[in-house]
Amino acid sequence: MVGRDVARDGLAIVINAHNTVVTYPHHLSRLRDIYSGKISNWSALGGEKAQIHVFTREDGSGTRSSFETLVMGKTEINPRAMVQDSNGAVRQLVGDDPDAIGYISLGSGRQNCLKLWN
């Protein structure tokens, strides 16, 4: 048997389109700090003084596995992060909440209510 790639996907970090953070930290360490709970307020990143609402995928999700490998490394995701069972749920909740951040499969599509964290 020979294995062949038939498709590839990416990981998108998304925030609400109305989030006032203008300059995104380009270091994965900042994103890791958000997801571990070390950074919990958008003001620490130049945004408004507002609690960051962190959304994550469920254990066993391929999207979560990629996020843990590529972003978190050996650091644990904060147990207070709100767990969702689909990319669509994360996309919808982040789109409805100006203080939210989440990650989704890039193949899940992009909505006007989201900004990519780049």
PDB file of N, CA and C in Angstrom:
ATOM      1  N   MET A   1       0.826  -1.182   0.000  1.00  0.00           N
ATOM      2  CA  MET A   1       0.000   0.000   0.000  1.00  0.00           C
ATOM      3  C   MET A   1       0.864   1.237   0.000  1.00  0.00           C
ATOM      4  N   VAL A   2       0.426   2.223  -0.733  1.00  0.00           N
ATOM      5  CA  VAL A   2       1.129   3.490  -0.800  1.00  0.00           C
ATOM      6  C   VAL A   2       0.186   4.588  -0.308  1.00  0.00           C
ATOM      7  N   GLY A   3       0.667   5.379   0.639  1.00  0.00           N
ATOM      8  CA  GLY A   3      -0.141   6.492   1.138  1.00  0.00           C
ATOM      9  C   GLY A   3      -0.002   7.703   0.233  1.00  0.00           C
ATOM     10  N   ARG A   4      -1.095   8.413   0.034  1.00  0.00           N
ATOM     11  CA  ARG A   4      -1.090   9.631  -0.779  1.00  0.00           C
ATOM     12  C   ARG A   4      -1.904  10.702  -0.077  1.00  0.00           C
ATOM     13  N   ASP A   5      -1.395  11.938  -0.103  1.00  0.00           N
ATOM     14  CA  ASP A   5      -2.172  13.068   0.402  1.00  0.00           C
ATOM     15  C   ASP A   5      -3.280  13.366  -0.596  1.00  0.00           C
ATOM     16  N   VAL A   6      -4.497  13.453  -0.115  1.00  0.00           N
ATOM     17  CA  VAL A   6      -5.601  13.836  -0.993  1.00  0.00           C
ATOM     18  C   VAL A   6      -6.129  15.224  -0.638  1.00  0.00           C
ATOM     19  N   ALA A   7      -5.799  15.687   0.550  1.00  0.00           N
ATOM     20  CA  ALA A   7      -6.217  17.029   0.956  1.00  0.00           C
ATOM     21  C   ALA A   7      -5.375  17.466   2.144  1.00  0.00           C
ATOM     22  N   ARG A   8      -5.287  18.755   2.321  1.00  0.00           N
ATOM     23  CA  ARG A   8      -4.608  19.340   3.473  1.00  0.00           C
ATOM     24  C   ARG A   8      -5.488  20.444   4.020  1.00  0.00           C
ATOM     25  N   ASP A   9      -5.335  20.678   5.296  1.00  0.00           N
ATOM     26  CA  ASP A   9      -6.137  21.694   5.959  1.00  0.00           C
ATOM     27  C   ASP A   9      -5.206  22.519   6.830  1.00  0.00           C
ATOM     28  N   GLY A  10      -5.670  23.656   7.254  1.00  0.00           N
ATOM     29  CA  GLY A  10      -4.904  24.514   8.134  1.00  0.00           C
ATOM     30  C   GLY A  10      -5.698  24.806   9.391  1.00  0.00           C
ATOM     31  N   LEU A  11      -5.060  25.498  10.292  1.00  0.00           N
ATOM     32  CA  LEU A  11      -5.666  25.890  11.551  1.00  0.00           C
ATOM     33  C   LEU A  11      -5.820  27.405  11.534  1.00  0.00           C
ATOM     34  N   ALA A  12      -7.021  27.887  11.805  1.00  0.00           N
ATOM     35  CA  ALA A  12      -7.279  29.335  11.825  1.00  0.00           C
ATOM     36  C   ALA A  12      -7.603  29.764  13.246  1.00  0.00           C
ATOM     37  N   ILE A  13      -6.890  30.766  13.736  1.00  0.00           N
ATOM     38  CA  ILE A  13      -7.205  31.379  15.016  1.00  0.00           C
ATOM     39  C   ILE A  13      -8.117  32.549  14.694  1.00  0.00           C
ATOM     40  N   VAL A  14      -9.303  32.585  15.307  1.00  0.00           N
ATOM     41  CA  VAL A  14     -10.297  33.598  14.948  1.00  0.00           C
ATOM     42  C   VAL A  14     -10.743  34.393  16.169  1.00  0.00           C
ATOM     43  N   ILE A  15     -11.002  35.685  15.916  1.00  0.00           N
ATOM     44  CA  ILE A  15     -11.603  36.562  16.910  1.00  0.00           C
ATOM     45  C   ILE A  15     -12.785  37.247  16.242  1.00  0.00           C
ATOM     46  N   ASN A  16     -13.640  37.835  17.038  1.00  0.00           N
ATOM     47  CA  ASN A  16     -14.811  38.524  16.526  1.00  0.00           C
ATOM     48  C   ASN A  16     -14.380  39.730  15.689  1.00  0.00           C
ATOM     49  N   ALA A  17     -15.115  40.003  14.621  1.00  0.00           N
ATOM     50  CA  ALA A  17     -14.787  41.109  13.716  1.00  0.00           C
ATOM     51  C   ALA A  17     -14.829  42.467  14.416  1.00  0.00           C
ATOM     52  N   HIS A  18     -15.550  42.573  15.529  1.00  0.00           N
ATOM     53  CA  HIS A  18     -15.660  43.842  16.255  1.00  0.00           C
ATOM     54  C   HIS A  18     -14.655  43.973  17.383  1.00  0.00           C
ATOM     55  N   ASN A  19     -13.778  43.000  17.524  1.00  0.00           N
ATOM     56  CA  ASN A  19     -12.745  43.071  18.545  1.00  0.00           C
ATOM     57  C   ASN A  19     -11.815  44.230  18.194  1.00  0.00           C
ATOM     58  N   THR A  20     -11.446  45.032  19.188  1.00  0.00           N
ATOM     59  CA  THR A  20     -10.656  46.241  18.932  1.00  0.00           C
ATOM     60  C   THR A  20      -9.155  46.018  18.909  1.00  0.00           C
ATOM     61  N   VAL A  21      -8.696  44.807  19.161  1.00  0.00           N
ATOM     62  CA  VAL A  21      -7.251  44.535  19.093  1.00  0.00           C
ATOM     63  C   VAL A  21      -6.814  44.774  17.652  1.00  0.00           C
ATOM     64  N   VAL A  22      -5.886  45.693  17.474  1.00  0.00           N
ATOM     65  CA  VAL A  22      -5.441  46.053  16.127  1.00  0.00           C
ATOM     66  C   VAL A  22      -4.164  45.311  15.767  1.00  0.00           C
ATOM     67  N   THR A  23      -3.239  45.233  16.695  1.00  0.00           N
ATOM     68  CA  THR A  23      -1.972  44.564  16.456  1.00  0.00           C
ATOM     69  C   THR A  23      -1.989  43.232  17.179  1.00  0.00           C
ATOM     70  N   TYR A  24      -1.961  42.177  16.412  1.00  0.00           N
ATOM     71  CA  TYR A  24      -1.979  40.844  17.003  1.00  0.00           C
ATOM     72  C   TYR A  24      -0.561  40.436  17.341  1.00  0.00           C
ATOM     73  N   PRO A  25      -0.375  39.849  18.511  1.00  0.00           N
ATOM     74  CA  PRO A  25       0.965  39.348  18.824  1.00  0.00           C
ATOM     75  C   PRO A  25       1.304  38.188  17.900  1.00  0.00           C
ATOM     76  N   HIS A  26       2.430  38.296  17.260  1.00  0.00           N
ATOM     77  CA  HIS A  26       2.814  37.279  16.285  1.00  0.00           C
ATOM     78  C   HIS A  26       3.544  36.106  16.919  1.00  0.00           C
ATOM     79  N   HIS A  27       3.716  36.157  18.199  1.00  0.00           N
ATOM     80  CA  HIS A  27       4.413  35.077  18.882  1.00  0.00           C
ATOM     81  C   HIS A  27       3.404  34.043  19.364  1.00  0.00           C
ATOM     82  N   LEU A  28       3.681  32.796  19.090  1.00  0.00           N
ATOM     83  CA  LEU A  28       2.807  31.725  19.573  1.00  0.00           C
ATOM     84  C   LEU A  28       2.739  31.734  21.091  1.00  0.00           C
ATOM     85  N   SER A  29       3.762  32.281  21.726  1.00  0.00           N
ATOM     86  CA  SER A  29       3.765  32.307  23.188  1.00  0.00           C
ATOM     87  C   SER A  29       2.607  33.142  23.725  1.00  0.00           C
ATOM     88  N   ARG A  30       2.225  34.214  23.035  1.00  0.00           N
ATOM     89  CA  ARG A  30       1.076  35.030  23.469  1.00  0.00           C
ATOM     90  C   ARG A  30      -0.216  34.232  23.354  1.00  0.00           C
ATOM     91  N   LEU A  31      -0.372  33.523  22.262  1.00  0.00           N
ATOM     92  CA  LEU A  31      -1.556  32.697  22.060  1.00  0.00           C
ATOM     93  C   LEU A  31      -1.592  31.574  23.110  1.00  0.00           C
ATOM     94  N   ARG A  32      -0.444  30.995  23.372  1.00  0.00           N
ATOM     95  CA  ARG A  32      -0.331  29.964  24.399  1.00  0.00           C
ATOM     96  C   ARG A  32      -0.702  30.547  25.766  1.00  0.00           C
ATOM     97  N   ASP A  33      -0.278  31.773  26.031  1.00  0.00           N
ATOM     98  CA  ASP A  33      -0.610  32.429  27.300  1.00  0.00           C
ATOM     99  C   ASP A  33      -2.117  32.660  27.432  1.00  0.00           C
ATOM    100  N   ILE A  34      -2.784  32.983  26.343  1.00  0.00           N
ATOM    101  CA  ILE A  34      -4.241  33.151  26.376  1.00  0.00           C
ATOM    102  C   ILE A  34      -4.896  31.816  26.706  1.00  0.00           C
ATOM    103  N   TYR A  35      -4.501  30.775  26.000  1.00  0.00           N
ATOM    104  CA  TYR A  35      -5.142  29.473  26.173  1.00  0.00           C
ATOM    105  C   TYR A  35      -4.764  28.779  27.475  1.00  0.00           C
ATOM    106  N   SER A  36      -3.656  29.156  28.091  1.00  0.00           N
ATOM    107  CA  SER A  36      -3.296  28.577  29.384  1.00  0.00           C
ATOM    108  C   SER A  36      -3.916  29.364  30.532  1.00  0.00           C
ATOM    109  N   GLY A  37      -4.384  30.570  30.241  1.00  0.00           N
ATOM    110  CA  GLY A  37      -4.992  31.408  31.269  1.00  0.00           C
ATOM    111  C   GLY A  37      -4.068  32.479  31.825  1.00  0.00           C
ATOM    112  N   LYS A  38      -2.811  32.524  31.367  1.00  0.00           N
ATOM    113  CA  LYS A  38      -1.881  33.550  31.846  1.00  0.00           C
ATOM    114  C   LYS A  38      -2.325  34.946  31.408  1.00  0.00           C
ATOM    115  N   ILE A  39      -2.834  35.066  30.195  1.00  0.00           N
ATOM    116  CA  ILE A  39      -3.410  36.328  29.711  1.00  0.00           C
ATOM    117  C   ILE A  39      -4.912  36.110  29.669  1.00  0.00           C
ATOM    118  N   SER A  40      -5.652  36.946  30.393  1.00  0.00           N
ATOM    119  CA  SER A  40      -7.101  36.756  30.465  1.00  0.00           C
ATOM    120  C   SER A  40      -7.892  38.006  30.102  1.00  0.00           C
ATOM    121  N   ASN A  41      -7.189  39.087  29.759  1.00  0.00           N
ATOM    122  CA  ASN A  41      -7.879  40.324  29.429  1.00  0.00           C
ATOM    123  C   ASN A  41      -7.297  40.900  28.142  1.00  0.00           C
ATOM    124  N   TRP A  42      -8.186  41.368  27.263  1.00  0.00           N
ATOM    125  CA  TRP A  42      -7.738  41.926  25.984  1.00  0.00           C
ATOM    126  C   TRP A  42      -6.834  43.148  26.161  1.00  0.00           C
ATOM    127  N   SER A  43      -6.945  43.852  27.288  1.00  0.00           N
ATOM    128  CA  SER A  43      -6.107  45.034  27.511  1.00  0.00           C
ATOM    129  C   SER A  43      -4.618  44.677  27.544  1.00  0.00           C
ATOM    130  N   ALA A  44      -4.285  43.459  27.924  1.00  0.00           N
ATOM    131  CA  ALA A  44      -2.888  43.018  27.934  1.00  0.00           C
ATOM    132  C   ALA A  44      -2.320  42.915  26.523  1.00  0.00           C
ATOM    133  N   LEU A  45      -3.218  42.939  25.526  1.00  0.00           N
ATOM    134  CA  LEU A  45      -2.806  42.850  24.125  1.00  0.00           C
ATOM    135  C   LEU A  45      -3.118  44.133  23.354  1.00  0.00           C
ATOM    136  N   GLY A  46      -3.422  45.200  24.077  1.00  0.00           N
ATOM    137  CA  GLY A  46      -3.704  46.481  23.440  1.00  0.00           C
ATOM    138  C   GLY A  46      -5.162  46.701  23.090  1.00  0.00           C
ATOM    139  N   GLY A  47      -6.027  45.823  23.545  1.00  0.00           N
ATOM    140  CA  GLY A  47      -7.456  45.964  23.272  1.00  0.00           C
ATOM    141  C   GLY A  47      -8.177  46.622  24.427  1.00  0.00           C
ATOM    142  N   GLU A  48      -9.491  46.565  24.379  1.00  0.00           N
ATOM    143  CA  GLU A  48     -10.307  47.121  25.455  1.00  0.00           C
ATOM    144  C   GLU A  48     -10.160  46.276  26.709  1.00  0.00           C
ATOM    145  N   LYS A  49     -10.499  46.893  27.852  1.00  0.00           N
ATOM    146  CA  LYS A  49     -10.463  46.150  29.107  1.00  0.00           C
ATOM    147  C   LYS A  49     -11.685  45.245  29.136  1.00  0.00           C
ATOM    148  N   ALA A  50     -11.474  43.992  28.775  1.00  0.00           N
ATOM    149  CA  ALA A  50     -12.555  43.008  28.721  1.00  0.00           C
ATOM    150  C   ALA A  50     -11.964  41.617  28.877  1.00  0.00           C
ATOM    151  N   GLN A  51     -12.651  40.790  29.623  1.00  0.00           N
ATOM    152  CA  GLN A  51     -12.246  39.392  29.822  1.00  0.00           C
ATOM    153  C   GLN A  51     -12.223  38.674  28.475  1.00  0.00           C
ATOM    154  N   ILE A  52     -11.196  37.885  28.217  1.00  0.00           N
ATOM    155  CA  ILE A  52     -11.123  37.087  26.994  1.00  0.00           C
ATOM    156  C   ILE A  52     -11.962  35.828  27.200  1.00  0.00           C
ATOM    157  N   HIS A  53     -12.898  35.590  26.296  1.00  0.00           N
ATOM    158  CA  HIS A  53     -13.722  34.379  26.332  1.00  0.00           C
ATOM    159  C   HIS A  53     -13.081  33.364  25.394  1.00  0.00           C
ATOM    160  N   VAL A  54     -12.497  32.338  25.967  1.00  0.00           N
ATOM    161  CA  VAL A  54     -11.690  31.368  25.238  1.00  0.00           C
ATOM    162  C   VAL A  54     -12.532  30.140  24.881  1.00  0.00           C
ATOM    163  N   PHE A  55     -12.566  29.828  23.583  1.00  0.00           N
ATOM    164  CA  PHE A  55     -13.262  28.639  23.098  1.00  0.00           C
ATOM    165  C   PHE A  55     -12.251  27.637  22.571  1.00  0.00           C
ATOM    166  N   THR A  56     -12.470  26.380  22.887  1.00  0.00           N
ATOM    167  CA  THR A  56     -11.601  25.299  22.443  1.00  0.00           C
ATOM    168  C   THR A  56     -12.467  24.146  21.948  1.00  0.00           C
ATOM    169  N   ARG A  57     -11.843  23.223  21.266  1.00  0.00           N
ATOM    170  CA  ARG A  57     -12.541  22.023  20.795  1.00  0.00           C
ATOM    171  C   ARG A  57     -12.419  20.914  21.830  1.00  0.00           C
ATOM    172  N   GLU A  58     -13.246  19.883  21.669  1.00  0.00           N
ATOM    173  CA  GLU A  58     -13.282  18.773  22.628  1.00  0.00           C
ATOM    174  C   GLU A  58     -12.062  17.866  22.462  1.00  0.00           C
ATOM    175  N   ASP A  59     -11.740  17.152  23.545  1.00  0.00           N
ATOM    176  CA  ASP A  59     -10.685  16.141  23.475  1.00  0.00           C
ATOM    177  C   ASP A  59     -11.037  15.137  22.385  1.00  0.00           C
ATOM    178  N   GLY A  60     -10.043  14.720  21.627  1.00  0.00           N
ATOM    179  CA  GLY A  60     -10.269  13.759  20.551  1.00  0.00           C
ATOM    180  C   GLY A  60     -10.519  14.414  19.204  1.00  0.00           C
ATOM    181  N   SER A  61     -10.758  15.715  19.201  1.00  0.00           N
ATOM    182  CA  SER A  61     -10.962  16.446  17.949  1.00  0.00           C
ATOM    183  C   SER A  61      -9.627  16.584  17.217  1.00  0.00           C
ATOM    184  N   GLY A  62      -9.634  16.380  15.912  1.00  0.00           N
ATOM    185  CA  GLY A  62      -8.422  16.571  15.121  1.00  0.00           C
ATOM    186  C   GLY A  62      -7.955  18.013  15.149  1.00  0.00           C
ATOM    187  N   THR A  63      -8.908  18.940  15.186  1.00  0.00           N
ATOM    188  CA  THR A  63      -8.563  20.359  15.251  1.00  0.00           C
ATOM    189  C   THR A  63      -7.854  20.662  16.570  1.00  0.00           C
ATOM    190  N   ARG A  64      -8.378  20.129  17.661  1.00  0.00           N
ATOM    191  CA  ARG A  64      -7.738  20.348  18.970  1.00  0.00           C
ATOM    192  C   ARG A  64      -6.350  19.705  19.006  1.00  0.00           C
ATOM    193  N   SER A  65      -6.227  18.513  18.473  1.00  0.00           N
ATOM    194  CA  SER A  65      -4.942  17.835  18.453  1.00  0.00           C
ATOM    195  C   SER A  65      -3.900  18.676  17.713  1.00  0.00           C
ATOM    196  N   SER A  66      -4.298  19.235  16.575  1.00  0.00           N
ATOM    197  CA  SER A  66      -3.378  20.098  15.815  1.00  0.00           C
ATOM    198  C   SER A  66      -3.016  21.334  16.622  1.00  0.00           C
ATOM    199  N   PHE A  67      -4.007  21.952  17.275  1.00  0.00           N
ATOM    200  CA  PHE A  67      -3.765  23.148  18.082  1.00  0.00           C
ATOM    201  C   PHE A  67      -2.798  22.838  19.227  1.00  0.00           C
ATOM    202  N   GLU A  68      -3.030  21.722  19.900  1.00  0.00           N
ATOM    203  CA  GLU A  68      -2.154  21.353  21.015  1.00  0.00           C
ATOM    204  C   GLU A  68      -0.733  21.113  20.530  1.00  0.00           C
ATOM    205  N   THR A  69      -0.583  20.461  19.396  1.00  0.00           N
ATOM    206  CA  THR A  69       0.747  20.173  18.856  1.00  0.00           C
ATOM    207  C   THR A  69       1.440  21.439  18.366  1.00  0.00           C
ATOM    208  N   LEU A  70       0.734  22.248  17.587  1.00  0.00           N
ATOM    209  CA  LEU A  70       1.347  23.410  16.936  1.00  0.00           C
ATOM    210  C   LEU A  70       1.479  24.632  17.837  1.00  0.00           C
ATOM    211  N   VAL A  71       0.566  24.789  18.797  1.00  0.00           N
ATOM    212  CA  VAL A  71       0.548  26.003  19.618  1.00  0.00           C
ATOM    213  C   VAL A  71       0.915  25.728  21.076  1.00  0.00           C
ATOM    214  N   MET A  72       0.256  24.774  21.690  1.00  0.00           N
ATOM    215  CA  MET A  72       0.389  24.597  23.133  1.00  0.00           C
ATOM    216  C   MET A  72       1.641  23.835  23.554  1.00  0.00           C
ATOM    217  N   GLY A  73       2.114  22.922  22.720  1.00  0.00           N
ATOM    218  CA  GLY A  73       3.274  22.130  23.120  1.00  0.00           C
ATOM    219  C   GLY A  73       2.947  21.343  24.379  1.00  0.00           C
ATOM    220  N   LYS A  74       3.739  21.519  25.426  1.00  0.00           N
ATOM    221  CA  LYS A  74       3.517  20.788  26.683  1.00  0.00           C
ATOM    222  C   LYS A  74       2.620  21.559  27.649  1.00  0.00           C
ATOM    223  N   THR A  75       2.203  22.755  27.272  1.00  0.00           N
ATOM    224  CA  THR A  75       1.348  23.578  28.126  1.00  0.00           C
ATOM    225  C   THR A  75      -0.104  23.130  27.986  1.00  0.00           C
ATOM    226  N   GLU A  76      -0.797  23.001  29.097  1.00  0.00           N
ATOM    227  CA  GLU A  76      -2.191  22.560  29.099  1.00  0.00           C
ATOM    228  C   GLU A  76      -3.138  23.720  28.778  1.00  0.00           C
ATOM    229  N   ILE A  77      -4.208  23.414  28.081  1.00  0.00           N
ATOM    230  CA  ILE A  77      -5.281  24.383  27.873  1.00  0.00           C
ATOM    231  C   ILE A  77      -6.002  24.565  29.200  1.00  0.00           C
ATOM    232  N   ASN A  78      -6.282  25.814  29.543  1.00  0.00           N
ATOM    233  CA  ASN A  78      -6.970  26.147  30.784  1.00  0.00           C
ATOM    234  C   ASN A  78      -8.293  25.386  30.866  1.00  0.00           C
ATOM    235  N   PRO A  79      -8.569  24.701  31.957  1.00  0.00           N
ATOM    236  CA  PRO A  79      -9.825  23.966  32.078  1.00  0.00           C
ATOM    237  C   PRO A  79     -11.056  24.870  32.067  1.00  0.00           C
ATOM    238  N   ARG A  80     -10.862  26.176  32.229  1.00  0.00           N
ATOM    239  CA  ARG A  80     -11.985  27.120  32.161  1.00  0.00           C
ATOM    240  C   ARG A  80     -12.359  27.494  30.725  1.00  0.00           C
ATOM    241  N   ALA A  81     -11.539  27.094  29.761  1.00  0.00           N
ATOM    242  CA  ALA A  81     -11.875  27.356  28.355  1.00  0.00           C
ATOM    243  C   ALA A  81     -13.179  26.631  28.033  1.00  0.00           C
ATOM    244  N   MET A  82     -14.019  27.283  27.252  1.00  0.00           N
ATOM    245  CA  MET A  82     -15.331  26.717  26.924  1.00  0.00           C
ATOM    246  C   MET A  82     -15.198  25.730  25.770  1.00  0.00           C
ATOM    247  N   VAL A  83     -15.542  24.490  26.028  1.00  0.00           N
ATOM    248  CA  VAL A  83     -15.343  23.391  25.083  1.00  0.00           C
ATOM    249  C   VAL A  83     -16.550  23.281  24.154  1.00  0.00           C
ATOM    250  N   GLN A  84     -16.268  23.192  22.860  1.00  0.00           N
ATOM    251  CA  GLN A  84     -17.313  23.043  21.844  1.00  0.00           C
ATOM    252  C   GLN A  84     -17.052  21.790  21.030  1.00  0.00           C
ATOM    253  N   ASP A  85     -18.117  21.209  20.497  1.00  0.00           N
ATOM    254  CA  ASP A  85     -17.981  19.923  19.816  1.00  0.00           C
ATOM    255  C   ASP A  85     -17.878  20.011  18.294  1.00  0.00           C
ATOM    256  N   SER A  86     -17.773  21.227  17.758  1.00  0.00           N
ATOM    257  CA  SER A  86     -17.610  21.344  16.301  1.00  0.00           C
ATOM    258  C   SER A  86     -16.958  22.674  15.946  1.00  0.00           C
ATOM    259  N   ASN A  87     -16.330  22.705  14.770  1.00  0.00           N
ATOM    260  CA  ASN A  87     -15.775  23.955  14.255  1.00  0.00           C
ATOM    261  C   ASN A  87     -16.892  24.975  14.048  1.00  0.00           C
ATOM    262  N   GLY A  88     -18.047  24.504  13.584  1.00  0.00           N
ATOM    263  CA  GLY A  88     -19.178  25.390  13.346  1.00  0.00           C
ATOM    264  C   GLY A  88     -19.652  26.069  14.617  1.00  0.00           C
ATOM    265  N   ALA A  89     -19.656  25.336  15.728  1.00  0.00           N
ATOM    266  CA  ALA A  89     -20.067  25.921  17.007  1.00  0.00           C
ATOM    267  C   ALA A  89     -19.075  26.999  17.439  1.00  0.00           C
ATOM    268  N   VAL A  90     -17.788  26.718  17.317  1.00  0.00           N
ATOM    269  CA  VAL A  90     -16.768  27.719  17.673  1.00  0.00           C
ATOM    270  C   VAL A  90     -16.927  28.948  16.785  1.00  0.00           C
ATOM    271  N   ARG A  91     -17.062  28.741  15.486  1.00  0.00           N
ATOM    272  CA  ARG A  91     -17.223  29.845  14.530  1.00  0.00           C
ATOM    273  C   ARG A  91     -18.426  30.708  14.911  1.00  0.00           C
ATOM    274  N   GLN A  92     -19.551  30.085  15.216  1.00  0.00           N
ATOM    275  CA  GLN A  92     -20.775  30.813  15.564  1.00  0.00           C
ATOM    276  C   GLN A  92     -20.615  31.592  16.873  1.00  0.00           C
ATOM    277  N   LEU A  93     -20.085  30.953  17.897  1.00  0.00           N
ATOM    278  CA  LEU A  93     -19.944  31.596  19.199  1.00  0.00           C
ATOM    279  C   LEU A  93     -18.956  32.756  19.160  1.00  0.00           C
ATOM    280  N   VAL A  94     -17.836  32.581  18.479  1.00  0.00           N
ATOM    281  CA  VAL A  94     -16.869  33.675  18.350  1.00  0.00           C
ATOM    282  C   VAL A  94     -17.480  34.808  17.526  1.00  0.00           C
ATOM    283  N   GLY A  95     -18.238  34.471  16.510  1.00  0.00           N
ATOM    284  CA  GLY A  95     -18.893  35.486  15.694  1.00  0.00           C
ATOM    285  C   GLY A  95     -19.929  36.287  16.454  1.00  0.00           C
ATOM    286  N   ASP A  96     -20.495  35.705  17.496  1.00  0.00           N
ATOM    287  CA  ASP A  96     -21.520  36.376  18.293  1.00  0.00           C
ATOM    288  C   ASP A  96     -20.963  37.114  19.508  1.00  0.00           C
ATOM    289  N   ASP A  97     -19.689  36.942  19.821  1.00  0.00           N
ATOM    290  CA  ASP A  97     -19.116  37.472  21.059  1.00  0.00           C
ATOM    291  C   ASP A  97     -17.871  38.308  20.763  1.00  0.00           C
ATOM    292  N   PRO A  98     -17.952  39.635  20.921  1.00  0.00           N
ATOM    293  CA  PRO A  98     -16.793  40.489  20.602  1.00  0.00           C
ATOM    294  C   PRO A  98     -15.560  40.237  21.464  1.00  0.00           C
ATOM    295  N   ASP A  99     -15.710  39.523  22.569  1.00  0.00           N
ATOM    296  CA  ASP A  99     -14.570  39.275  23.455  1.00  0.00           C
ATOM    297  C   ASP A  99     -14.034  37.854  23.343  1.00  0.00           C
ATOM    298  N   ALA A 100     -14.453  37.135  22.308  1.00  0.00           N
ATOM    299  CA  ALA A 100     -14.098  35.722  22.182  1.00  0.00           C
ATOM    300  C   ALA A 100     -12.898  35.498  21.268  1.00  0.00           C
ATOM    301  N   ILE A 101     -12.258  34.360  21.500  1.00  0.00           N
ATOM    302  CA  ILE A 101     -11.208  33.849  20.627  1.00  0.00           C
ATOM    303  C   ILE A 101     -11.426  32.342  20.507  1.00  0.00           C
ATOM    304  N   GLY A 102     -11.103  31.811  19.351  1.00  0.00           N
ATOM    305  CA  GLY A 102     -11.237  30.380  19.142  1.00  0.00           C
ATOM    306  C   GLY A 102     -10.329  29.931  18.016  1.00  0.00           C
ATOM    307  N   TYR A 103     -10.329  28.663  17.756  1.00  0.00           N
ATOM    308  CA  TYR A 103      -9.590  28.121  16.616  1.00  0.00           C
ATOM    309  C   TYR A 103     -10.490  27.138  15.900  1.00  0.00           C
ATOM    310  N   ILE A 104     -10.368  27.146  14.587  1.00  0.00           N
ATOM    311  CA  ILE A 104     -11.190  26.282  13.742  1.00  0.00           C
ATOM    312  C   ILE A 104     -10.336  25.740  12.603  1.00  0.00           C
ATOM    313  N   SER A 105     -10.834  24.734  11.971  1.00  0.00           N
ATOM    314  CA  SER A 105     -10.214  24.235  10.760  1.00  0.00           C
ATOM    315  C   SER A 105     -10.352  25.313   9.686  1.00  0.00           C
ATOM    316  N   LEU A 106      -9.278  25.612   8.995  1.00  0.00           N
ATOM    317  CA  LEU A 106      -9.328  26.622   7.946  1.00  0.00           C
ATOM    318  C   LEU A 106     -10.355  26.252   6.881  1.00  0.00           C
ATOM    319  N   GLY A 107     -10.552  24.970   6.676  1.00  0.00           N
ATOM    320  CA  GLY A 107     -11.529  24.490   5.715  1.00  0.00           C
ATOM    321  C   GLY A 107     -12.965  24.714   6.152  1.00  0.00           C
ATOM    322  N   SER A 108     -13.172  25.175   7.394  1.00  0.00           N
ATOM    323  CA  SER A 108     -14.526  25.424   7.902  1.00  0.00           C
ATOM    324  C   SER A 108     -15.143  26.677   7.308  1.00  0.00           C
ATOM    325  N   GLY A 109     -14.349  27.426   6.613  1.00  0.00           N
ATOM    326  CA  GLY A 109     -14.864  28.638   5.991  1.00  0.00           C
ATOM    327  C   GLY A 109     -14.727  29.840   6.889  1.00  0.00           C
ATOM    328  N   ARG A 110     -14.888  30.985   6.294  1.00  0.00           N
ATOM    329  CA  ARG A 110     -14.748  32.241   7.012  1.00  0.00           C
ATOM    330  C   ARG A 110     -16.036  33.025   6.875  1.00  0.00           C
ATOM    331  N   GLN A 111     -16.431  33.652   7.950  1.00  0.00           N
ATOM    332  CA  GLN A 111     -17.622  34.494   7.925  1.00  0.00           C
ATOM    333  C   GLN A 111     -17.200  35.935   8.118  1.00  0.00           C
ATOM    334  N   ASN A 112     -18.052  36.859   7.728  1.00  0.00           N
ATOM    335  CA  ASN A 112     -17.757  38.276   7.885  1.00  0.00           C
ATOM    336  C   ASN A 112     -17.668  38.693   9.346  1.00  0.00           C
ATOM    337  N   CYS A 113     -18.232  37.888  10.242  1.00  0.00           N
ATOM    338  CA  CYS A 113     -18.235  38.244  11.667  1.00  0.00           C
ATOM    339  C   CYS A 113     -16.937  37.851  12.348  1.00  0.00           C
ATOM    340  N   LEU A 114     -15.981  37.279  11.611  1.00  0.00           N
ATOM    341  CA  LEU A 114     -14.720  36.831  12.193  1.00  0.00           C
ATOM    342  C   LEU A 114     -13.541  37.536  11.546  1.00  0.00           C
ATOM    343  N   LYS A 115     -12.462  37.673  12.338  1.00  0.00           N
ATOM    344  CA  LYS A 115     -11.174  38.125  11.819  1.00  0.00           C
ATOM    345  C   LYS A 115     -10.180  37.005  12.085  1.00  0.00           C
ATOM    346  N   LEU A 116      -9.304  36.774  11.131  1.00  0.00           N
ATOM    347  CA  LEU A 116      -8.232  35.808  11.357  1.00  0.00           C
ATOM    348  C   LEU A 116      -7.156  36.467  12.206  1.00  0.00           C
ATOM    349  N   TRP A 117      -6.651  35.749  13.145  1.00  0.00           N
ATOM    350  CA  TRP A 117      -5.541  36.196  14.005  1.00  0.00           C
ATOM    351  C   TRP A 117      -4.289  35.851  13.217  1.00  0.00           C
ATOM    352  N   ASN A 118      -3.613  36.861  12.671  1.00  0.00           N
ATOM    353  CA  ASN A 118      -2.450  36.544  11.833  1.00  0.00           C
ATOM    354  C   ASN A 118      -1.214  37.296  12.214  1.00  0.00           C
TER     355      ASN A 118
END
